[in-house]
């Protein structure tokens, strides 16, 4: 049976048109959610729609979500399960379509109910993963999350029997948002992609979150592309998603736009199919519909400007090799060697410390690895714990990270980009700033 899906073949359709831009937007009220989707669809950019779910739904606390709706209390996202399929179909009616796919983003370690609800509402795309939606967001044991995600993937894959190709995006390239060197991010998103395939899915995307140094990010996305090509089975339809920086965001409008513009340029230069956009407002509150649209249009314009400097259909430029690909490959192969079932391999990998996310407090994470930002602004390993990658990307000797250095590193992107914007004497836009100015240039000024 030939199948179709809103995300199936997305990379091929967007190959010469630059990345699609997508918000992380969700509102509790159906009318406002529909208005948000309509505004995103009308934006002056090539967009994808999003239903970002609320925190109660993430942890299966449907009673609290229902009480909030009854009391008129706004939630921090759309309560998909509580609203039910008829309400969500009405939200999507006349908006969702082949030219405007809509994805559910949720953050749940146990996604069974969410998968069932989105399928019932006529949706076919979501995101997450057994590791990436468990360790950062929950206290659920990794073994339990892995079983739930395996079951959910298999049920989601049943859409193919109805002629619809479901799509699942790994959040693995965004673990903890920051302070995690790229090799581990790449390994986790590729491993989750393999997990999805093992449990029946054939249309997937792999993520990478913008970090602290553009040159390191370019090398990392190139490494992700090469390893996905090497490890994903040939029948997999896959593409890469770049996220604007997921850590502490600049507080000035101009600083935030500098980060977003750099993310858009990264997406273009590395051939990413989608860009997940953050708004300047996110440093202090949930953004409005209008603020989401403004950020999408800014990112779309920045991507278009970068595309004029990049030949159409050109392969991404080769990036310098500092060992990121070798490090990620070593981690992937070490995990796959632990067990033929990838879910069990992931559980064993964390139990042995072969995968160890820096500064992650989940009980199934060893917590012995540490990252730091070096003098050039690149993310490095201060300690790799028991991960089998010592010395691959340098740093064979451990670097002690104290509380002062950690706090400074957590605000590094915020601080450097705010200062760049302030030095431009324009905190409203970044149009006047030199496109080549970087945080490294600032340190030398």
Protein backbone atom coordinates (compact mmCIF):
# COMPACT_ATOMS: atom_id res chain seq x y z
CA UNK A 1 0.00 0.00 0.00
CA UNK A 2 1.31 3.44 -0.87
CA UNK A 3 1.28 5.73 2.12
CA UNK A 4 1.21 9.46 2.66
CA UNK A 5 1.91 11.61 5.67
CA UNK A 6 2.32 15.29 6.39
CA UNK A 7 6.03 14.85 7.23
CA UNK A 8 6.84 11.97 4.88
CA UNK A 9 9.35 13.04 2.24
CA UNK A 10 9.71 16.46 3.84
CA UNK A 11 13.46 16.66 3.20
CA UNK A 12 13.05 15.97 -0.51
CA UNK A 13 10.28 18.57 -0.81
CA UNK A 14 12.37 21.23 0.94
CA UNK A 15 15.77 20.45 -0.57
CA UNK A 16 16.12 23.67 -2.56
CA UNK A 17 13.82 25.94 -0.60
CA UNK A 18 15.69 26.29 2.70
CA UNK A 19 14.55 25.14 6.14
CA UNK A 20 10.99 25.26 7.35
CA UNK A 21 10.62 27.31 10.54
CA UNK A 22 8.56 26.00 13.42
CA UNK A 23 7.49 27.42 16.81
CA UNK A 24 7.17 25.59 20.13
CA UNK A 25 3.72 27.10 20.65
CA UNK A 26 0.83 25.79 22.71
CA UNK A 27 -2.22 27.35 24.38
CA UNK A 28 -4.85 25.71 26.58
CA UNK A 29 -7.91 27.23 24.95
CA UNK A 30 -9.03 25.67 21.63
CA UNK A 31 -9.94 29.07 20.11
CA UNK A 32 -6.58 30.58 20.96
CA UNK A 33 -4.76 27.45 19.80
CA UNK A 34 -6.57 27.63 16.48
CA UNK A 35 -5.81 31.35 16.19
CA UNK A 36 -2.13 30.59 16.84
CA UNK A 37 -2.02 27.93 14.14
CA UNK A 38 -3.77 30.23 11.68
CA UNK A 39 -1.29 33.02 12.41
CA UNK A 40 1.69 30.68 11.97
CA UNK A 41 0.27 29.45 8.67
CA UNK A 42 -0.16 33.03 7.42
CA UNK A 43 3.32 34.10 8.53
CA UNK A 44 5.70 35.44 5.88
CA UNK A 45 7.85 32.32 6.04
CA UNK A 46 7.70 28.63 5.18
CA UNK A 47 6.23 27.27 8.41
CA UNK A 48 5.22 24.12 10.25
CA UNK A 49 2.52 24.18 12.93
CA UNK A 50 2.91 22.96 16.48
CA UNK A 51 0.64 21.81 19.28
CA UNK A 52 2.85 21.98 22.37
CA UNK A 53 1.16 20.20 25.27
CA UNK A 54 0.84 21.34 28.87
CA UNK A 55 2.78 20.12 31.90
CA UNK A 56 -0.17 18.24 33.46
CA UNK A 57 -0.64 16.17 30.32
CA UNK A 58 3.10 15.48 30.23
CA UNK A 59 2.85 13.63 33.57
CA UNK A 60 -0.62 12.11 33.03
CA UNK A 61 -2.30 14.39 35.58
CA UNK A 62 -5.47 14.73 33.57
CA UNK A 63 -7.60 15.56 36.61
CA UNK A 64 -5.60 18.75 37.24
CA UNK A 65 -5.81 19.69 33.55
CA UNK A 66 -9.58 19.22 33.63
CA UNK A 67 -9.94 21.33 36.80
CA UNK A 68 -7.84 24.10 35.28
CA UNK A 69 -10.01 24.19 32.18
CA UNK A 70 -13.19 24.17 34.28
CA UNK A 71 -11.90 27.05 36.42
CA UNK A 72 -10.70 29.06 33.43
CA UNK A 73 -7.08 28.81 34.59
CA UNK A 74 -4.65 29.04 31.63
CA UNK A 75 -2.21 26.16 31.19
CA UNK A 76 1.27 26.34 29.69
CA UNK A 77 0.23 24.28 26.67
CA UNK A 78 -2.60 22.48 24.89
CA UNK A 79 -4.22 19.63 26.93
CA UNK A 80 -4.67 17.25 24.03
CA UNK A 81 -5.91 14.25 26.01
CA UNK A 82 -8.36 16.26 28.11
CA UNK A 83 -9.88 18.17 25.18
CA UNK A 84 -10.54 14.96 23.26
CA UNK A 85 -10.37 14.22 19.53
CA UNK A 86 -13.48 16.13 18.44
CA UNK A 87 -12.23 19.41 19.92
CA UNK A 88 -8.78 18.96 18.39
CA UNK A 89 -10.23 18.11 14.98
CA UNK A 90 -12.17 21.37 15.15
CA UNK A 91 -8.96 23.24 16.04
CA UNK A 92 -7.22 21.75 13.00
CA UNK A 93 -10.10 21.86 10.52
CA UNK A 94 -9.19 23.86 7.42
CA UNK A 95 -5.69 24.64 8.75
CA UNK A 96 -3.73 21.39 8.79
CA UNK A 97 -2.95 20.11 5.31
CA UNK A 98 -0.21 19.02 2.90
CA UNK A 99 1.16 22.57 2.76
CA UNK A 100 0.98 23.07 6.53
CA UNK A 101 1.85 19.99 8.60
CA UNK A 102 1.23 20.10 12.35
CA UNK A 103 3.35 18.31 14.95
CA UNK A 104 2.57 17.48 18.58
CA UNK A 105 5.38 18.29 21.06
CA UNK A 106 4.83 17.07 24.60
CA UNK A 107 7.77 16.06 26.87
CA UNK A 108 6.24 12.87 28.25
CA UNK A 109 8.28 9.85 29.35
CA UNK A 110 5.13 7.70 29.09
CA UNK A 111 3.45 8.79 25.84
CA UNK A 112 0.82 6.04 25.33
CA UNK A 113 -2.21 8.28 25.96
CA UNK A 114 -0.76 11.15 23.94
CA UNK A 115 -0.06 8.94 20.92
CA UNK A 116 -3.59 7.52 21.09
CA UNK A 117 -5.10 11.01 21.38
CA UNK A 118 -3.17 12.55 18.50
CA UNK A 119 -3.96 9.62 16.20
CA UNK A 120 -7.65 9.86 17.10
CA UNK A 121 -7.56 13.58 16.27
CA UNK A 122 -6.11 12.98 12.80
CA UNK A 123 -2.50 13.97 13.52
CA UNK A 124 0.49 12.01 12.28
CA UNK A 125 3.62 13.70 13.67
CA UNK A 126 5.13 14.03 17.13
CA UNK A 127 8.50 14.02 18.89
CA UNK A 128 10.39 12.68 21.90
CA UNK A 129 12.16 9.45 22.70
CA UNK A 130 12.78 6.90 25.46
CA UNK A 131 15.91 8.71 26.68
CA UNK A 132 15.36 12.32 25.63
CA UNK A 133 11.86 12.59 27.15
CA UNK A 134 12.78 10.61 30.26
CA UNK A 135 16.06 11.77 31.75
CA UNK A 136 15.62 15.55 31.57
CA UNK A 137 11.91 15.67 32.35
CA UNK A 138 10.84 12.91 34.70
CA UNK A 139 11.55 10.55 37.56
CA UNK A 140 10.19 7.61 35.57
CA UNK A 141 12.73 4.73 35.50
CA UNK A 142 14.43 4.52 32.13
CA UNK A 143 13.41 0.86 31.76
CA UNK A 144 9.74 1.82 32.19
CA UNK A 145 10.03 4.71 29.74
CA UNK A 146 11.70 2.46 27.17
CA UNK A 147 8.87 -0.08 27.36
CA UNK A 148 6.25 2.66 27.04
CA UNK A 149 8.00 4.26 24.06
CA UNK A 150 8.39 0.88 22.32
CA UNK A 151 4.68 0.19 22.73
CA UNK A 152 3.76 3.70 21.63
CA UNK A 153 5.97 3.55 18.51
CA UNK A 154 4.38 0.26 17.46
CA UNK A 155 0.87 1.66 17.90
CA UNK A 156 1.85 4.84 16.07
CA UNK A 157 3.27 2.77 13.21
CA UNK A 158 -0.16 1.16 12.75
CA UNK A 159 -1.20 4.37 10.98
CA UNK A 160 0.56 2.93 7.96
CA UNK A 161 -2.24 0.36 7.71
CA UNK A 162 -4.59 3.30 7.09
CA UNK A 163 -2.38 4.70 4.34
CA UNK A 164 -0.72 7.33 6.54
CA UNK A 165 3.02 7.46 7.21
CA UNK A 166 3.57 8.57 10.83
CA UNK A 167 6.56 10.72 11.73
CA UNK A 168 8.56 10.81 14.96
CA UNK A 169 11.32 13.29 15.80
CA UNK A 170 14.03 12.39 18.30
CA UNK A 171 14.67 15.04 20.93
CA UNK A 172 18.03 13.41 21.65
CA UNK A 173 20.10 16.24 20.20
CA UNK A 174 18.74 18.61 22.85
CA UNK A 175 19.53 16.76 26.09
CA UNK A 176 19.45 19.22 29.02
CA UNK A 177 19.55 22.10 26.53
CA UNK A 178 23.17 23.01 27.16
CA UNK A 179 26.57 22.00 28.62
CA UNK A 180 26.47 18.64 26.82
CA UNK A 181 29.27 18.29 24.23
CA UNK A 182 28.05 17.42 20.73
CA UNK A 183 29.29 13.83 20.49
CA UNK A 184 26.83 12.62 23.11
CA UNK A 185 23.92 14.60 21.63
CA UNK A 186 24.55 13.04 18.23
CA UNK A 187 24.87 9.54 19.64
CA UNK A 188 21.59 9.75 21.56
CA UNK A 189 19.55 11.12 18.65
CA UNK A 190 20.91 8.46 16.25
CA UNK A 191 20.27 5.72 18.82
CA UNK A 192 16.72 6.95 19.31
CA UNK A 193 16.27 6.98 15.54
CA UNK A 194 17.34 3.33 15.48
CA UNK A 195 14.94 2.61 18.35
CA UNK A 196 12.07 4.18 16.38
CA UNK A 197 12.93 2.11 13.31
CA UNK A 198 13.18 -1.08 15.38
CA UNK A 199 9.62 -0.47 16.55
CA UNK A 200 8.07 0.10 13.15
CA UNK A 201 8.56 3.74 12.21
CA UNK A 202 10.07 4.66 8.86
CA UNK A 203 9.72 8.47 8.79
CA UNK A 204 11.87 10.11 11.45
CA UNK A 205 13.90 13.24 12.15
CA UNK A 206 17.07 13.73 14.16
CA UNK A 207 17.70 16.84 16.23
CA UNK A 208 20.64 19.02 17.13
CA UNK A 209 20.45 22.05 19.43
CA UNK A 210 22.60 25.09 18.69
CA UNK A 211 25.34 25.32 21.31
CA UNK A 212 28.08 27.84 22.12
CA UNK A 213 30.28 27.92 18.99
CA UNK A 214 29.08 28.09 15.40
CA UNK A 215 32.08 26.24 13.97
CA UNK A 216 31.66 23.39 16.43
CA UNK A 217 27.93 23.27 15.61
CA UNK A 218 28.65 23.03 11.88
CA UNK A 219 31.01 20.12 12.48
CA UNK A 220 28.44 18.47 14.76
CA UNK A 221 25.57 18.63 12.27
CA UNK A 222 27.85 17.31 9.53
CA UNK A 223 28.79 14.44 11.84
CA UNK A 224 25.12 13.78 12.58
CA UNK A 225 24.35 13.60 8.88
CA UNK A 226 27.21 11.20 8.14
CA UNK A 227 26.36 8.90 11.07
CA UNK A 228 22.65 8.87 10.26
CA UNK A 229 23.56 7.82 6.72
CA UNK A 230 25.82 5.10 8.08
CA UNK A 231 23.55 3.65 10.77
CA UNK A 232 19.92 4.16 9.72
CA UNK A 233 18.51 1.41 7.49
CA UNK A 234 18.06 2.28 3.82
CA UNK A 235 14.26 2.24 4.06
CA UNK A 236 14.28 5.17 6.52
CA UNK A 237 12.98 8.55 5.36
CA UNK A 238 14.86 10.96 7.63
CA UNK A 239 15.86 14.58 7.95
CA UNK A 240 17.71 16.84 10.38
CA UNK A 241 16.15 19.44 12.67
CA UNK A 242 18.18 22.31 14.17
CA UNK A 243 16.98 23.98 17.37
CA UNK A 244 17.72 27.54 18.37
CA UNK A 245 19.71 27.55 21.62
CA UNK A 246 17.78 25.69 24.33
CA UNK A 247 19.59 27.11 27.36
CA UNK A 248 19.47 30.48 29.10
CA UNK A 249 18.44 32.96 26.42
CA UNK A 250 19.64 36.57 25.99
CA UNK A 251 17.56 39.15 27.84
CA UNK A 252 17.89 41.92 25.26
CA UNK A 253 15.79 41.79 22.13
CA UNK A 254 18.84 42.31 19.94
CA UNK A 255 20.84 39.60 21.72
CA UNK A 256 18.04 37.08 21.29
CA UNK A 257 17.78 37.88 17.59
CA UNK A 258 21.53 37.41 17.20
CA UNK A 259 21.22 33.88 18.57
CA UNK A 260 18.19 33.15 16.40
CA UNK A 261 19.88 34.48 13.27
CA UNK A 262 22.92 32.30 13.94
CA UNK A 263 20.62 29.27 14.32
CA UNK A 264 18.92 30.07 11.00
CA UNK A 265 22.28 30.41 9.27
CA UNK A 266 23.44 27.14 10.82
CA UNK A 267 20.32 25.38 9.51
CA UNK A 268 20.95 26.67 5.98
CA UNK A 269 24.68 25.93 5.90
CA UNK A 270 24.21 22.38 7.19
CA UNK A 271 21.23 21.53 4.99
CA UNK A 272 18.74 21.07 7.85
CA UNK A 273 15.12 20.62 6.82
CA UNK A 274 13.54 22.34 9.83
CA UNK A 275 14.48 24.99 12.38
CA UNK A 276 12.80 25.10 15.79
CA UNK A 277 12.51 28.78 16.69
CA UNK A 278 12.69 30.55 20.06
CA UNK A 279 11.37 34.06 20.64
CA UNK A 280 13.08 36.95 22.45
CA UNK A 281 10.29 36.81 25.06
CA UNK A 282 11.27 33.32 26.24
CA UNK A 283 13.94 34.63 28.58
CA UNK A 284 11.19 35.76 30.94
CA UNK A 285 7.72 34.46 29.93
CA UNK A 286 5.63 32.39 27.52
CA UNK A 287 5.47 34.28 24.20
CA UNK A 288 2.27 35.55 22.61
CA UNK A 289 1.00 34.50 19.19
CA UNK A 290 2.32 37.73 17.72
CA UNK A 291 5.76 37.23 19.23
CA UNK A 292 5.91 33.70 17.83
CA UNK A 293 5.05 34.97 14.37
CA UNK A 294 7.62 37.77 14.56
CA UNK A 295 10.34 35.28 15.51
CA UNK A 296 9.32 32.89 12.71
CA UNK A 297 9.40 35.69 10.14
CA UNK A 298 12.78 36.91 11.40
CA UNK A 299 14.21 33.39 11.24
CA UNK A 300 12.75 32.83 7.79
CA UNK A 301 14.26 36.07 6.52
CA UNK A 302 17.64 35.25 8.08
CA UNK A 303 17.58 31.82 6.45
CA UNK A 304 16.64 33.32 3.08
CA UNK A 305 19.50 35.83 3.34
CA UNK A 306 21.96 33.05 4.14
CA UNK A 307 20.58 30.95 1.29
CA UNK A 308 21.54 33.70 -1.18
CA UNK A 309 25.13 33.07 -0.09
CA UNK A 310 24.69 29.29 -0.45
CA UNK A 311 24.23 27.84 -3.98
CA UNK A 312 20.89 26.05 -4.44
CA UNK A 313 21.08 22.28 -3.88
CA UNK A 314 24.72 22.62 -2.83
CA UNK A 315 25.99 19.98 -0.45
CA UNK A 316 26.83 21.35 3.02
CA UNK A 317 30.40 22.64 3.10
CA UNK A 318 32.86 20.23 4.74
CA UNK A 319 33.52 21.13 8.38
CA UNK A 320 36.86 20.80 10.21
CA UNK A 321 37.23 17.45 11.94
CA UNK A 322 38.01 17.72 15.65
CA UNK A 323 36.81 14.20 16.40
CA UNK A 324 33.10 14.79 17.06
CA UNK A 325 32.03 12.15 14.53
CA UNK A 326 34.52 9.62 15.90
CA UNK A 327 33.33 10.25 19.45
CA UNK A 328 29.66 9.85 18.53
CA UNK A 329 30.39 6.69 16.51
CA UNK A 330 32.27 5.18 19.44
CA UNK A 331 29.31 5.80 21.74
CA UNK A 332 26.78 4.41 19.25
CA UNK A 333 28.78 1.25 18.63
CA UNK A 334 29.45 0.71 22.34
CA UNK A 335 25.70 0.85 23.05
CA UNK A 336 24.73 -1.41 20.14
CA UNK A 337 27.24 -4.01 21.33
CA UNK A 338 25.46 -4.34 24.68
CA UNK A 339 22.30 -6.12 23.48
CA UNK A 340 20.58 -6.94 20.15
CA UNK A 341 17.41 -5.19 21.37
CA UNK A 342 18.18 -1.47 21.29
CA UNK A 343 15.81 -0.64 24.12
CA UNK A 344 17.60 -3.01 26.45
CA UNK A 345 20.93 -1.76 25.10
CA UNK A 346 20.02 1.80 26.06
CA UNK A 347 19.05 0.75 29.59
CA UNK A 348 22.30 -1.19 30.00
CA UNK A 349 24.33 1.70 28.56
CA UNK A 350 23.14 4.07 31.25
CA UNK A 351 23.54 1.42 33.95
CA UNK A 352 27.18 0.98 32.93
CA UNK A 353 27.79 4.68 32.40
CA UNK A 354 28.51 4.21 28.68
CA UNK A 355 26.00 7.04 28.21
CA UNK A 356 26.15 9.70 30.92
CA UNK A 357 24.46 13.10 30.52
CA UNK A 358 26.28 16.00 32.23
CA UNK A 359 24.45 17.61 35.16
CA UNK A 360 21.41 15.34 34.75
CA UNK A 361 19.97 14.31 38.14
CA UNK A 362 17.85 11.35 36.98
CA UNK A 363 18.49 8.28 39.14
CA UNK A 364 19.38 6.13 36.11
CA UNK A 365 22.10 8.56 35.01
CA UNK A 366 25.57 7.99 36.50
CA UNK A 367 26.14 11.72 36.82
CA UNK A 368 29.92 11.47 36.56
CA UNK A 369 30.34 13.33 33.25
CA UNK A 370 30.83 17.08 33.12
CA UNK A 371 31.06 19.64 30.35
CA UNK A 372 32.68 23.05 30.27
CA UNK A 373 33.25 25.92 27.84
CA UNK A 374 36.87 26.44 26.83
CA UNK A 375 38.68 29.71 26.10
CA UNK A 376 37.58 29.59 22.46
CA UNK A 377 33.90 29.20 23.39
CA UNK A 378 33.66 25.49 22.48
CA UNK A 379 31.96 22.84 24.59
CA UNK A 380 34.45 20.31 25.95
CA UNK A 381 34.44 17.34 28.26
CA UNK A 382 35.68 18.17 31.75
CA UNK A 383 35.09 14.52 32.67
CA UNK A 384 33.71 11.63 30.61
CA UNK A 385 33.02 9.34 33.57
CA UNK A 386 32.81 5.75 32.29
CA UNK A 387 31.96 6.66 28.70
CA UNK A 388 34.40 4.94 26.29
CA UNK A 389 35.53 8.17 24.60
CA UNK A 390 38.42 9.45 26.69
CA UNK A 391 40.77 11.59 24.63
CA UNK A 392 38.92 11.36 21.29
CA UNK A 393 38.09 15.07 21.13
CA UNK A 394 40.95 16.11 23.41
CA UNK A 395 40.86 16.68 27.12
CA UNK A 396 42.44 13.40 28.24
CA UNK A 397 43.11 15.17 31.54
CA UNK A 398 40.06 16.02 33.61
CA UNK A 399 39.08 19.65 34.16
CA UNK A 400 37.48 20.44 37.51
CA UNK A 401 34.32 22.54 37.14
CA UNK A 402 33.47 24.56 40.22
CA UNK A 403 30.15 26.23 40.97
CA UNK A 404 31.39 29.65 39.83
CA UNK A 405 32.56 28.34 36.46
CA UNK A 406 29.35 26.36 35.96
CA UNK A 407 27.11 29.36 36.69
CA UNK A 408 29.18 31.48 34.33
CA UNK A 409 28.96 28.83 31.61
CA UNK A 410 25.19 28.53 31.97
CA UNK A 411 24.81 32.24 31.15
CA UNK A 412 27.58 32.32 28.51
CA UNK A 413 25.30 32.57 25.46
CA UNK A 414 23.02 35.06 27.18
CA UNK A 415 25.90 37.23 28.36
CA UNK A 416 27.98 37.32 25.17
CA UNK A 417 25.07 37.98 22.83
CA UNK A 418 23.50 40.63 25.03
CA UNK A 419 26.85 42.41 25.09
CA UNK A 420 27.16 42.14 21.32
CA UNK A 421 23.71 43.67 20.91
CA UNK A 422 24.42 46.47 23.35
CA UNK A 423 27.68 47.29 21.59
CA UNK A 424 25.73 47.64 18.36
CA UNK A 425 23.78 50.50 20.03
CA UNK A 426 20.56 48.87 18.85
CA UNK A 427 18.79 46.50 21.22
CA UNK A 428 15.72 46.25 18.98
CA UNK A 429 17.07 44.44 15.92
CA UNK A 430 20.27 42.87 14.72
CA UNK A 431 20.02 44.17 11.15
CA UNK A 432 22.95 46.55 11.63
CA UNK A 433 25.28 43.92 13.07
CA UNK A 434 28.02 42.32 11.01
CA UNK A 435 26.79 38.85 10.08
CA UNK A 436 30.26 37.49 10.77
CA UNK A 437 30.52 38.81 14.32
CA UNK A 438 30.77 36.03 16.88
CA UNK A 439 31.26 35.66 20.60
CA UNK A 440 34.88 34.78 19.89
CA UNK A 441 35.34 38.12 18.11
CA UNK A 442 33.84 39.87 21.11
CA UNK A 443 36.38 38.37 23.50
CA UNK A 444 39.17 39.72 21.30
CA UNK A 445 37.69 43.23 21.02
